[in-house]
């Protein structure tokens, strides 16, 4: 059976790696795969931008929201075209 972990737990693990502990140490201490620890750390790591810092997770959330908004905009454009023909 595959284990599942909460976002809080993943964040805690990522913070341990960011604070200086090695991936190997953290994975051994919490009985996790090194790959999982690396992936969580990568997703939670801050990325510096002109406006401040942002995580990969936040970028992905913004991309999904942007795609949804574009789709809604296209629907509204089609509806406007239908209503203007009448």
Protein backbone atom coordinates (compact mmCIF):
# COMPACT_ATOMS: atom_id res chain seq x y z
CA UNK A 1 0.00 0.00 0.00
CA UNK A 2 1.25 3.45 -0.92
CA UNK A 3 1.72 5.95 1.91
CA UNK A 4 0.26 9.43 1.65
CA UNK A 5 1.51 12.53 3.43
CA UNK A 6 -0.09 15.85 4.31
CA UNK A 7 1.06 19.12 2.80
CA UNK A 8 2.16 20.26 6.26
CA UNK A 9 4.42 17.21 6.59
CA UNK A 10 5.91 17.77 3.13
CA UNK A 11 6.54 21.43 3.98
CA UNK A 12 8.24 20.44 7.25
CA UNK A 13 10.51 17.99 5.41
CA UNK A 14 11.36 20.62 2.78
CA UNK A 15 12.18 23.14 5.52
CA UNK A 16 14.53 20.64 7.19
CA UNK A 17 16.45 20.27 3.91
CA UNK A 18 16.44 24.04 3.37
CA UNK A 19 17.83 24.56 6.88
CA UNK A 20 20.93 22.57 5.99
CA UNK A 21 20.21 18.92 6.72
CA UNK A 22 21.11 16.63 3.87
CA UNK A 23 18.46 14.81 1.85
CA UNK A 24 20.03 11.53 2.91
CA UNK A 25 19.81 12.38 6.64
CA UNK A 26 16.19 13.50 6.43
CA UNK A 27 15.11 10.53 4.35
CA UNK A 28 16.79 8.11 6.77
CA UNK A 29 15.38 9.83 9.88
CA UNK A 30 11.78 9.82 8.61
CA UNK A 31 11.94 6.54 6.61
CA UNK A 32 11.29 8.28 3.29
CA UNK A 33 12.81 7.80 -0.13
CA UNK A 34 15.49 10.29 -1.10
CA UNK A 35 13.58 10.98 -4.31
CA UNK A 36 10.46 12.02 -2.39
CA UNK A 37 12.46 14.32 -0.13
CA UNK A 38 14.23 15.89 -3.11
CA UNK A 39 10.95 16.42 -4.99
CA UNK A 40 9.21 17.99 -1.99
CA UNK A 41 12.20 20.24 -1.36
CA UNK A 42 12.27 21.33 -4.99
CA UNK A 43 8.54 22.13 -5.03
CA UNK A 44 8.66 24.09 -1.78
CA UNK A 45 11.95 25.92 -2.40
CA UNK A 46 11.56 29.68 -2.82
CA UNK A 47 12.39 31.15 -6.22
CA UNK A 48 13.62 34.74 -6.21
CA UNK A 49 11.79 37.18 -8.49
CA UNK A 50 11.78 40.94 -8.93
CA UNK A 51 8.75 41.22 -6.63
CA UNK A 52 10.08 38.87 -3.93
CA UNK A 53 10.04 35.10 -3.66
CA UNK A 54 7.61 32.47 -4.91
CA UNK A 55 7.55 28.67 -4.79
CA UNK A 56 7.20 26.26 -7.69
CA UNK A 57 3.92 25.14 -6.13
CA UNK A 58 2.58 28.72 -6.27
CA UNK A 59 3.70 29.10 -9.89
CA UNK A 60 1.82 25.92 -10.84
CA UNK A 61 -1.30 27.13 -9.00
CA UNK A 62 -1.13 30.46 -10.86
CA UNK A 63 -0.71 28.65 -14.21
CA UNK A 64 -3.81 26.53 -13.56
CA UNK A 65 -5.82 29.60 -12.59
CA UNK A 66 -4.59 31.43 -15.69
CA UNK A 67 -5.67 28.53 -17.93
CA UNK A 68 -9.10 28.47 -16.27
CA UNK A 69 -9.51 32.23 -16.74
CA UNK A 70 -8.49 32.01 -20.41
CA UNK A 71 -11.09 29.28 -20.94
CA UNK A 72 -13.78 31.38 -19.24
CA UNK A 73 -12.79 34.35 -21.39
CA UNK A 74 -13.16 32.29 -24.58
CA UNK A 75 -16.63 31.16 -23.47
CA UNK A 76 -17.65 34.77 -22.87
CA UNK A 77 -16.32 35.82 -26.28
CA UNK A 78 -18.39 33.09 -27.96
CA UNK A 79 -21.47 34.11 -26.00
CA UNK A 80 -20.99 37.75 -27.03
CA UNK A 81 -20.72 36.69 -30.66
CA UNK A 82 -23.99 34.75 -30.39
CA UNK A 83 -25.84 37.64 -28.72
CA UNK A 84 -24.57 40.28 -31.15
CA UNK A 85 -25.86 38.27 -34.14
CA UNK A 86 -29.43 38.42 -32.83
